[in-house]
């Protein structure tokens, strides 16, 4: 299983660099591991 982590502007309530999505990224890394995340 892989996770694509992209289009952060769609879920963020702040402008770039979308810092309010950091907790979500942290949870994704914890759940799937850094080697199973595709950036883009």
N, C-alpha and C. Protein backbone atom coordinates (compact mmCIF):
# COMPACT_ATOMS: atom_id res chain seq x y z
N UNK A 1 0.84 -1.17 0.00
CA UNK A 1 0.00 0.00 0.00
C UNK A 1 0.89 1.23 0.00
N UNK A 2 0.56 2.18 -0.89
CA UNK A 2 1.27 3.45 -0.96
C UNK A 2 0.27 4.58 -0.80
N UNK A 3 0.76 5.73 -0.38
CA UNK A 3 -0.08 6.91 -0.19
C UNK A 3 0.49 8.03 -1.04
N UNK A 4 -0.36 8.68 -1.84
CA UNK A 4 0.06 9.85 -2.59
C UNK A 4 -0.32 11.08 -1.78
N UNK A 5 0.66 11.88 -1.43
CA UNK A 5 0.46 13.07 -0.61
C UNK A 5 0.63 14.29 -1.50
N UNK A 6 -0.49 14.84 -1.96
CA UNK A 6 -0.42 15.97 -2.89
C UNK A 6 -1.66 16.84 -2.76
N UNK A 7 -1.69 17.91 -3.54
CA UNK A 7 -2.81 18.85 -3.59
C UNK A 7 -3.17 19.39 -2.20
N UNK A 8 -2.15 19.72 -1.44
CA UNK A 8 -2.38 20.20 -0.08
C UNK A 8 -3.20 21.49 -0.06
N UNK A 9 -3.14 22.27 -1.13
CA UNK A 9 -3.90 23.51 -1.18
C UNK A 9 -5.40 23.26 -1.08
N UNK A 10 -5.84 22.07 -1.42
CA UNK A 10 -7.26 21.75 -1.37
C UNK A 10 -7.78 21.53 0.06
N UNK A 11 -6.90 21.11 0.95
CA UNK A 11 -7.36 20.84 2.32
C UNK A 11 -6.83 21.84 3.33
N UNK A 12 -5.90 22.68 2.91
CA UNK A 12 -5.29 23.64 3.83
C UNK A 12 -6.15 24.89 3.97
N UNK A 13 -6.13 25.45 5.16
CA UNK A 13 -6.82 26.72 5.40
C UNK A 13 -5.85 27.89 5.41
N UNK A 14 -4.59 27.59 5.17
CA UNK A 14 -3.58 28.65 5.11
C UNK A 14 -2.89 28.61 3.76
N UNK A 15 -2.14 29.65 3.47
CA UNK A 15 -1.43 29.69 2.20
C UNK A 15 -0.12 28.89 2.29
N UNK A 16 0.54 28.76 1.14
CA UNK A 16 1.80 28.03 1.06
C UNK A 16 2.73 28.51 2.16
N UNK A 17 3.38 27.66 2.87
CA UNK A 17 3.64 26.23 2.69
C UNK A 17 2.66 25.29 3.39
N UNK A 18 1.42 25.74 3.62
CA UNK A 18 0.35 24.87 4.14
C UNK A 18 0.73 24.22 5.47
N UNK A 19 1.23 25.01 6.37
CA UNK A 19 1.72 24.49 7.66
C UNK A 19 0.64 23.81 8.49
N UNK A 20 -0.61 24.13 8.25
CA UNK A 20 -1.67 23.50 9.04
C UNK A 20 -1.90 22.04 8.65
N UNK A 21 -1.24 21.57 7.59
CA UNK A 21 -1.36 20.16 7.20
C UNK A 21 -0.26 19.30 7.82
N UNK A 22 0.65 19.89 8.58
CA UNK A 22 1.75 19.14 9.20
C UNK A 22 1.27 18.01 10.10
N UNK A 23 0.24 18.21 10.92
CA UNK A 23 -0.23 17.09 11.75
C UNK A 23 -0.75 15.92 10.90
N UNK A 24 -1.37 16.22 9.79
CA UNK A 24 -1.85 15.16 8.90
C UNK A 24 -0.67 14.38 8.32
N UNK A 25 0.35 15.09 7.86
CA UNK A 25 1.53 14.42 7.33
C UNK A 25 2.19 13.56 8.39
N UNK A 26 2.28 14.06 9.59
CA UNK A 26 2.86 13.29 10.68
C UNK A 26 2.10 11.99 10.91
N UNK A 27 0.79 12.06 10.87
CA UNK A 27 -0.03 10.86 11.06
C UNK A 27 0.14 9.88 9.90
N UNK A 28 0.23 10.39 8.68
CA UNK A 28 0.44 9.53 7.51
C UNK A 28 1.79 8.81 7.62
N UNK A 29 2.83 9.53 8.01
CA UNK A 29 4.15 8.93 8.18
C UNK A 29 4.12 7.86 9.26
N UNK A 30 3.46 8.15 10.37
CA UNK A 30 3.35 7.18 11.46
C UNK A 30 2.60 5.93 11.01
N UNK A 31 1.55 6.12 10.25
CA UNK A 31 0.70 5.00 9.84
C UNK A 31 1.31 4.14 8.73
N UNK A 32 1.96 4.78 7.75
CA UNK A 32 2.42 4.05 6.57
C UNK A 32 3.93 3.96 6.43
N UNK A 33 4.67 4.84 7.08
CA UNK A 33 6.12 4.86 6.94
C UNK A 33 6.55 5.77 5.81
N UNK A 34 7.69 6.39 5.96
CA UNK A 34 8.17 7.37 5.00
C UNK A 34 8.43 6.77 3.62
N UNK A 35 8.76 5.50 3.55
CA UNK A 35 9.05 4.86 2.27
C UNK A 35 7.82 4.49 1.47
N UNK A 36 6.64 4.71 2.01
CA UNK A 36 5.40 4.39 1.31
C UNK A 36 4.59 5.62 0.93
N UNK A 37 5.24 6.78 0.96
CA UNK A 37 4.57 8.03 0.61
C UNK A 37 5.14 8.55 -0.70
N UNK A 38 4.23 8.84 -1.63
CA UNK A 38 4.63 9.45 -2.91
C UNK A 38 4.28 10.92 -2.83
N UNK A 39 5.23 11.77 -3.15
CA UNK A 39 5.02 13.21 -3.12
C UNK A 39 4.67 13.69 -4.51
N UNK A 40 3.75 14.62 -4.60
CA UNK A 40 3.48 15.16 -5.92
C UNK A 40 2.22 15.77 -6.11
